[in-house]
Structures are given as structure tokens and as C-alpha cells.
């Protein structure tokens, strides 16, 4: 497998990454792999994201009731 090395990481980023890895119970290296995998695996289409979030059944939404009104006169 290929390797990657990242230099000059800000101290606060390093510490947050370390904390995040600790919370997930993995090494920092594994946490970085997970973050990178997630970043490049994002859905290409918005519909794919909606399916991921809501499932393939979708969500029933009722449109708001509209009131009939006179046209606006700008003159």
C-alpha cells in the first residue's frame, strides 16, 4: 500500500486529531485513514446523500397552504 507523510501540522490540529483518535479508540494513523477515506468517499450527487440520511423510502413533506392575494403593484 502507498504511504503518505504530512509535515508542518499546526499544534492545535495535532492535539485535536490525537484527542479524536483516543475517543474512537484507535491510533492517530488509523484516525487519519478514516478521515481521508470519508473525505474522498463523499457522495457525488445530492440524491445519494439524501438516500444515505433518510433511506430509500424518502420523507413525506406537506407543502404550506398558500393564500391567494392580489398582485403587487410597483408603480
C-alpha atoms as a PDB file:
ATOM      1  CA  UNK A   1       0.000   0.000   0.000  1.00  0.00           C
ATOM      2  CA  UNK A   2       1.164   3.551  -0.653  1.00  0.00           C
ATOM      3  CA  UNK A   3       2.301   5.792   2.189  1.00  0.00           C
ATOM      4  CA  UNK A   4       1.833   9.492   2.762  1.00  0.00           C
ATOM      5  CA  UNK A   5       3.659  11.869   5.070  1.00  0.00           C
ATOM      6  CA  UNK A   6       2.241  15.218   6.178  1.00  0.00           C
ATOM      7  CA  UNK A   7       4.585  17.814   7.621  1.00  0.00           C
ATOM      8  CA  UNK A   8       4.055  21.134   9.373  1.00  0.00           C
ATOM      9  CA  UNK A   9       0.739  20.321  11.057  1.00  0.00           C
ATOM     10  CA  UNK A  10      -0.405  23.026  13.468  1.00  0.00           C
ATOM     11  CA  UNK A  11      -0.071  22.000  17.105  1.00  0.00           C
ATOM     12  CA  UNK A  12      -3.793  22.507  17.807  1.00  0.00           C
ATOM     13  CA  UNK A  13      -4.738  20.324  14.814  1.00  0.00           C
ATOM     14  CA  UNK A  14      -2.357  17.632  16.017  1.00  0.00           C
ATOM     15  CA  UNK A  15      -3.837  17.707  19.516  1.00  0.00           C
ATOM     16  CA  UNK A  16      -7.419  17.593  18.225  1.00  0.00           C
ATOM     17  CA  UNK A  17      -6.532  14.660  15.995  1.00  0.00           C
ATOM     18  CA  UNK A  18      -4.900  12.901  18.933  1.00  0.00           C
ATOM     19  CA  UNK A  19      -7.985  13.508  21.086  1.00  0.00           C
ATOM     20  CA  UNK A  20     -10.323  12.324  18.342  1.00  0.00           C
ATOM     21  CA  UNK A  21      -8.322   9.114  17.865  1.00  0.00           C
ATOM     22  CA  UNK A  22      -8.384   8.499  21.615  1.00  0.00           C
ATOM     23  CA  UNK A  23     -12.184   8.954  21.700  1.00  0.00           C
ATOM     24  CA  UNK A  24     -12.576   6.419  18.886  1.00  0.00           C
ATOM     25  CA  UNK A  25     -10.136   4.001  20.495  1.00  0.00           C
ATOM     26  CA  UNK A  26      -7.752   3.895  17.538  1.00  0.00           C
ATOM     27  CA  UNK A  27      -4.278   5.118  16.709  1.00  0.00           C
ATOM     28  CA  UNK A  28      -3.779   8.549  15.169  1.00  0.00           C
ATOM     29  CA  UNK A  29      -2.681   6.858  11.971  1.00  0.00           C
ATOM     30  CA  UNK A  30      -5.942   4.889  11.789  1.00  0.00           C
ATOM     31  CA  UNK A  31      -7.958   8.014  12.586  1.00  0.00           C
ATOM     32  CA  UNK A  32      -6.288   9.855   9.700  1.00  0.00           C
ATOM     33  CA  UNK A  33      -7.030   6.918   7.373  1.00  0.00           C
ATOM     34  CA  UNK A  34     -10.696   7.046   8.397  1.00  0.00           C
ATOM     35  CA  UNK A  35     -10.889  10.805   7.879  1.00  0.00           C
ATOM     36  CA  UNK A  36      -9.277  10.573   4.440  1.00  0.00           C
ATOM     37  CA  UNK A  37     -11.493   7.641   3.426  1.00  0.00           C
ATOM     38  CA  UNK A  38     -14.580   9.576   4.449  1.00  0.00           C
ATOM     39  CA  UNK A  39     -13.445  12.723   2.636  1.00  0.00           C
ATOM     40  CA  UNK A  40     -12.932  11.002  -0.703  1.00  0.00           C
ATOM     41  CA  UNK A  41     -15.981   8.752  -0.370  1.00  0.00           C
ATOM     42  CA  UNK A  42     -18.467  11.629  -0.201  1.00  0.00           C
ATOM     43  CA  UNK A  43     -21.458  11.108  -2.473  1.00  0.00           C
ATOM     44  CA  UNK A  44     -21.110  12.738  -5.878  1.00  0.00           C
ATOM     45  CA  UNK A  45     -24.795  13.518  -6.119  1.00  0.00           C
ATOM     46  CA  UNK A  46     -27.057  15.229  -3.592  1.00  0.00           C
ATOM     47  CA  UNK A  47     -29.636  12.473  -4.062  1.00  0.00           C
ATOM     48  CA  UNK A  48     -27.125   9.908  -2.802  1.00  0.00           C
ATOM     49  CA  UNK A  49     -26.643  11.964   0.341  1.00  0.00           C
ATOM     50  CA  UNK A  50     -30.409  12.191   0.872  1.00  0.00           C
ATOM     51  CA  UNK A  51     -30.742   8.417   0.462  1.00  0.00           C
ATOM     52  CA  UNK A  52     -27.976   7.893   2.993  1.00  0.00           C
ATOM     53  CA  UNK A  53     -29.622  10.228   5.507  1.00  0.00           C
ATOM     54  CA  UNK A  54     -33.287   9.310   5.025  1.00  0.00           C
ATOM     55  CA  UNK A  55     -33.221   5.855   3.458  1.00  0.00           C
ATOM     56  CA  UNK A  56     -34.792   4.890   0.158  1.00  0.00           C
ATOM     57  CA  UNK A  57     -38.352   5.422   1.440  1.00  0.00           C
ATOM     58  CA  UNK A  58     -37.924   9.196   1.493  1.00  0.00           C
ATOM     59  CA  UNK A  59     -39.767  11.677   3.667  1.00  0.00           C
ATOM     60  CA  UNK A  60     -43.320  12.923   3.240  1.00  0.00           C
ATOM     61  CA  UNK A  61     -43.488  16.682   3.364  1.00  0.00           C
ATOM     62  CA  UNK A  62     -46.669  18.707   3.202  1.00  0.00           C
ATOM     63  CA  UNK A  63     -46.349  21.996   1.348  1.00  0.00           C
ATOM     64  CA  UNK A  64     -47.595  25.007   3.303  1.00  0.00           C
ATOM     65  CA  UNK A  65     -51.089  26.207   2.493  1.00  0.00           C
ATOM     66  CA  UNK A  66     -50.974  29.240   0.229  1.00  0.00           C
ATOM     67  CA  UNK A  67     -53.159  32.311   0.477  1.00  0.00           C
ATOM     68  CA  UNK A  68     -54.460  33.933  -2.693  1.00  0.00           C
ATOM     69  CA  UNK A  69     -53.563  37.606  -2.887  1.00  0.00           C
ATOM     70  CA  UNK A  70     -53.706  40.496  -5.332  1.00  0.00           C
ATOM     71  CA  UNK A  71     -50.659  41.041  -7.495  1.00  0.00           C
ATOM     72  CA  UNK A  72     -48.134  43.565  -6.199  1.00  0.00           C
ATOM     73  CA  UNK A  73     -48.244  46.935  -7.942  1.00  0.00           C
ATOM     74  CA  UNK A  74     -44.803  48.558  -8.111  1.00  0.00           C
ATOM     75  CA  UNK A  75     -45.970  51.745  -9.838  1.00  0.00           C
END
